[in-house]
Each structure stands twice: as C-alpha cells, then as structure tokens.
Amino acid sequence: MTPIEAVFRNGVFEPLGAVDLREDQRVWLSIEPEAEETPQAWLDRVRALQAAVVAQKGFLPDSSAEIAADRAR
C-alpha cells in the first residue's frame, strides 16, 4: 500500500485523501512526522511554482479584476 498523509487530531488519525480500505480494517501504522519547512524553503518552492506557471502559460495569471468584482458584490 502507498503512504497516506494524515493529521493527528483529537486522538485520531484523519487521512487527508482517499483511503482504499474497508470499514473496520485493521492496519499497521509507521509514523513519520512531517519536517518543518523553513520560510526560505517555502519561498523557494513558491518561486519554482511561479516559474513553472510562467513556462507553461507565458505569464502569471492576474486575478485582481475577479477579486475586485467579488468585493464589490
């Protein structure tokens, strides 16, 4: 089975995506806490995403007009 990302909340592991298991299926868990991301690592990841969007579309989409229209409602 593939790894499943989950959040531990109120004493229960809550999967963050679909899980292909039957109800009441017993499983073994191997817990690996997610590493904390530094602000610089986050910024590098955002810049890489921006570069990928520009490479694909040729520009960064601007949603300013949609935001302004939504706020005007």
N, C-alpha and C. Protein backbone atom coordinates (compact mmCIF):
# COMPACT_ATOMS: atom_id res chain seq x y z
N MET A 1 0.84 -1.18 0.00
CA MET A 1 0.00 0.00 0.00
C MET A 1 0.88 1.24 0.00
N THR A 2 0.41 2.27 -0.59
CA THR A 2 1.15 3.53 -0.67
C THR A 2 0.99 4.32 0.63
N PRO A 3 1.93 5.21 0.90
CA PRO A 3 1.82 6.04 2.11
C PRO A 3 0.57 6.92 2.04
N ILE A 4 0.03 7.21 3.20
CA ILE A 4 -1.17 8.05 3.31
C ILE A 4 -0.83 9.22 4.22
N GLU A 5 -1.06 10.44 3.73
CA GLU A 5 -0.84 11.62 4.55
C GLU A 5 -2.04 11.80 5.46
N ALA A 6 -1.78 12.07 6.73
CA ALA A 6 -2.87 12.21 7.70
C ALA A 6 -2.51 13.29 8.72
N VAL A 7 -3.54 13.72 9.44
CA VAL A 7 -3.38 14.67 10.54
C VAL A 7 -3.84 13.96 11.80
N PHE A 8 -3.09 14.14 12.89
CA PHE A 8 -3.48 13.58 14.18
C PHE A 8 -4.24 14.66 14.92
N ARG A 9 -5.55 14.45 15.14
CA ARG A 9 -6.40 15.47 15.74
C ARG A 9 -7.36 14.80 16.71
N ASN A 10 -7.42 15.31 17.93
CA ASN A 10 -8.33 14.78 18.95
C ASN A 10 -8.15 13.28 19.16
N GLY A 11 -6.89 12.83 19.12
CA GLY A 11 -6.58 11.43 19.40
C GLY A 11 -6.86 10.48 18.25
N VAL A 12 -7.12 11.01 17.05
CA VAL A 12 -7.47 10.17 15.90
C VAL A 12 -6.67 10.61 14.68
N PHE A 13 -6.18 9.65 13.90
CA PHE A 13 -5.52 9.97 12.64
C PHE A 13 -6.59 10.19 11.57
N GLU A 14 -6.59 11.36 10.94
CA GLU A 14 -7.57 11.67 9.90
C GLU A 14 -6.84 11.74 8.56
N PRO A 15 -7.12 10.82 7.63
CA PRO A 15 -6.48 10.85 6.32
C PRO A 15 -6.82 12.14 5.59
N LEU A 16 -5.85 12.67 4.83
CA LEU A 16 -6.06 13.89 4.07
C LEU A 16 -6.48 13.60 2.63
N GLY A 17 -6.67 12.33 2.32
CA GLY A 17 -7.10 11.94 0.98
C GLY A 17 -7.87 10.63 1.05
N ALA A 18 -8.23 10.11 -0.11
CA ALA A 18 -8.98 8.86 -0.18
C ALA A 18 -8.13 7.70 0.32
N VAL A 19 -8.77 6.76 0.99
CA VAL A 19 -8.10 5.57 1.52
C VAL A 19 -8.86 4.35 1.01
N ASP A 20 -8.13 3.44 0.38
CA ASP A 20 -8.75 2.25 -0.19
C ASP A 20 -8.73 1.11 0.83
N LEU A 21 -9.57 1.21 1.85
CA LEU A 21 -9.70 0.20 2.90
C LEU A 21 -11.17 -0.02 3.20
N ARG A 22 -11.50 -1.24 3.62
CA ARG A 22 -12.88 -1.48 4.01
C ARG A 22 -13.08 -0.97 5.44
N GLU A 23 -14.31 -0.71 5.81
CA GLU A 23 -14.65 -0.22 7.14
C GLU A 23 -14.19 -1.24 8.18
N ASP A 24 -13.61 -0.77 9.28
CA ASP A 24 -13.10 -1.58 10.38
C ASP A 24 -11.87 -2.41 10.02
N GLN A 25 -11.21 -2.10 8.90
CA GLN A 25 -9.98 -2.80 8.51
C GLN A 25 -8.89 -2.46 9.50
N ARG A 26 -8.20 -3.47 10.01
CA ARG A 26 -7.06 -3.24 10.91
C ARG A 26 -5.83 -3.01 10.07
N VAL A 27 -4.99 -2.06 10.48
CA VAL A 27 -3.77 -1.74 9.75
C VAL A 27 -2.62 -1.53 10.72
N TRP A 28 -1.39 -1.58 10.19
CA TRP A 28 -0.19 -1.21 10.94
C TRP A 28 0.22 0.16 10.45
N LEU A 29 0.55 1.04 11.38
CA LEU A 29 0.97 2.39 11.00
C LEU A 29 2.45 2.59 11.32
N SER A 30 3.14 3.25 10.43
CA SER A 30 4.51 3.69 10.66
C SER A 30 4.48 5.21 10.62
N ILE A 31 4.75 5.85 11.73
CA ILE A 31 4.59 7.31 11.84
C ILE A 31 5.90 8.01 11.54
N GLU A 32 5.85 8.98 10.62
CA GLU A 32 6.99 9.83 10.30
C GLU A 32 6.51 11.27 10.32
N PRO A 33 6.80 12.02 11.38
CA PRO A 33 6.35 13.42 11.42
C PRO A 33 6.90 14.19 10.23
N GLU A 34 6.07 15.07 9.69
CA GLU A 34 6.49 15.90 8.57
C GLU A 34 7.52 16.90 9.07
N ALA A 35 8.57 17.07 8.31
CA ALA A 35 9.63 18.01 8.68
C ALA A 35 9.09 19.44 8.58
N GLU A 36 9.50 20.27 9.50
CA GLU A 36 9.12 21.68 9.47
C GLU A 36 9.79 22.34 8.28
N GLU A 37 9.05 23.14 7.55
CA GLU A 37 9.60 23.83 6.39
C GLU A 37 10.07 25.21 6.81
N THR A 38 11.28 25.56 6.43
CA THR A 38 11.79 26.90 6.75
C THR A 38 11.13 27.91 5.83
N PRO A 39 11.07 29.16 6.26
CA PRO A 39 10.49 30.19 5.38
C PRO A 39 11.22 30.27 4.03
N GLN A 40 12.55 30.10 4.05
CA GLN A 40 13.30 30.17 2.79
C GLN A 40 12.95 29.00 1.88
N ALA A 41 12.77 27.81 2.44
CA ALA A 41 12.39 26.64 1.64
C ALA A 41 11.01 26.85 1.03
N TRP A 42 10.09 27.43 1.81
CA TRP A 42 8.74 27.72 1.29
C TRP A 42 8.82 28.72 0.14
N LEU A 43 9.61 29.78 0.33
CA LEU A 43 9.76 30.80 -0.70
C LEU A 43 10.37 30.21 -1.97
N ASP A 44 11.37 29.35 -1.82
CA ASP A 44 11.98 28.70 -2.97
C ASP A 44 10.95 27.84 -3.71
N ARG A 45 10.10 27.15 -2.96
CA ARG A 45 9.07 26.30 -3.56
C ARG A 45 8.04 27.15 -4.32
N VAL A 46 7.66 28.29 -3.74
CA VAL A 46 6.70 29.19 -4.39
C VAL A 46 7.32 29.77 -5.67
N ARG A 47 8.57 30.17 -5.61
CA ARG A 47 9.22 30.72 -6.81
C ARG A 47 9.33 29.67 -7.91
N ALA A 48 9.60 28.42 -7.55
CA ALA A 48 9.66 27.34 -8.54
C ALA A 48 8.29 27.13 -9.18
N LEU A 49 7.23 27.20 -8.37
CA LEU A 49 5.88 27.06 -8.89
C LEU A 49 5.55 28.22 -9.84
N GLN A 50 5.92 29.43 -9.45
CA GLN A 50 5.70 30.59 -10.31
C GLN A 50 6.43 30.42 -11.64
N ALA A 51 7.67 29.95 -11.58
CA ALA A 51 8.45 29.75 -12.81
C ALA A 51 7.80 28.70 -13.70
N ALA A 52 7.25 27.65 -13.09
CA ALA A 52 6.57 26.61 -13.87
C ALA A 52 5.33 27.16 -14.55
N VAL A 53 4.57 28.02 -13.85
CA VAL A 53 3.37 28.63 -14.44
C VAL A 53 3.77 29.52 -15.61
N VAL A 54 4.80 30.33 -15.42
CA VAL A 54 5.26 31.22 -16.49
C VAL A 54 5.76 30.41 -17.68
N ALA A 55 6.48 29.31 -17.43
CA ALA A 55 6.97 28.47 -18.52
C ALA A 55 5.81 27.86 -19.31
N GLN A 56 4.73 27.50 -18.61
CA GLN A 56 3.59 26.87 -19.27
C GLN A 56 2.68 27.89 -19.95
N LYS A 57 2.38 28.99 -19.27
CA LYS A 57 1.40 29.96 -19.77
C LYS A 57 2.03 31.19 -20.42
N GLY A 58 3.30 31.46 -20.09
CA GLY A 58 3.96 32.64 -20.62
C GLY A 58 3.76 33.88 -19.75
N PHE A 59 2.96 33.76 -18.69
CA PHE A 59 2.70 34.88 -17.80
C PHE A 59 2.12 34.32 -16.50
N LEU A 60 2.10 35.15 -15.48
CA LEU A 60 1.41 34.79 -14.23
C LEU A 60 0.00 35.34 -14.32
N PRO A 61 -1.01 34.48 -14.19
CA PRO A 61 -2.39 34.98 -14.24
C PRO A 61 -2.62 36.03 -13.16
N ASP A 62 -3.41 37.04 -13.50
CA ASP A 62 -3.72 38.12 -12.55
C ASP A 62 -5.21 38.04 -12.23
N SER A 63 -5.52 37.76 -11.00
CA SER A 63 -6.93 37.64 -10.61
C SER A 63 -7.44 38.91 -9.93
N SER A 64 -6.71 40.01 -10.06
CA SER A 64 -7.11 41.26 -9.39
C SER A 64 -8.52 41.69 -9.78
N ALA A 65 -8.86 41.59 -11.06
CA ALA A 65 -10.18 42.02 -11.51
C ALA A 65 -11.27 41.16 -10.87
N GLU A 66 -11.05 39.85 -10.79
CA GLU A 66 -12.04 38.96 -10.18
C GLU A 66 -12.19 39.24 -8.68
N ILE A 67 -11.08 39.52 -8.02
CA ILE A 67 -11.13 39.84 -6.59
C ILE A 67 -11.90 41.13 -6.37
N ALA A 68 -11.63 42.14 -7.18
CA ALA A 68 -12.32 43.42 -7.06
C ALA A 68 -13.81 43.26 -7.31
N ALA A 69 -14.17 42.47 -8.32
CA ALA A 69 -15.60 42.25 -8.62
C ALA A 69 -16.27 41.51 -7.47
N ASP A 70 -15.57 40.54 -6.88
CA ASP A 70 -16.15 39.80 -5.76
C ASP A 70 -16.36 40.71 -4.55
N ARG A 71 -15.43 41.59 -4.28
CA ARG A 71 -15.55 42.51 -3.14
C ARG A 71 -16.62 43.56 -3.36
N ALA A 72 -16.91 43.88 -4.63
CA ALA A 72 -17.91 44.89 -4.94
C ALA A 72 -19.34 44.35 -4.75
N ARG A 73 -19.48 43.02 -4.69
CA ARG A 73 -20.82 42.44 -4.53
C ARG A 73 -21.37 42.65 -3.16
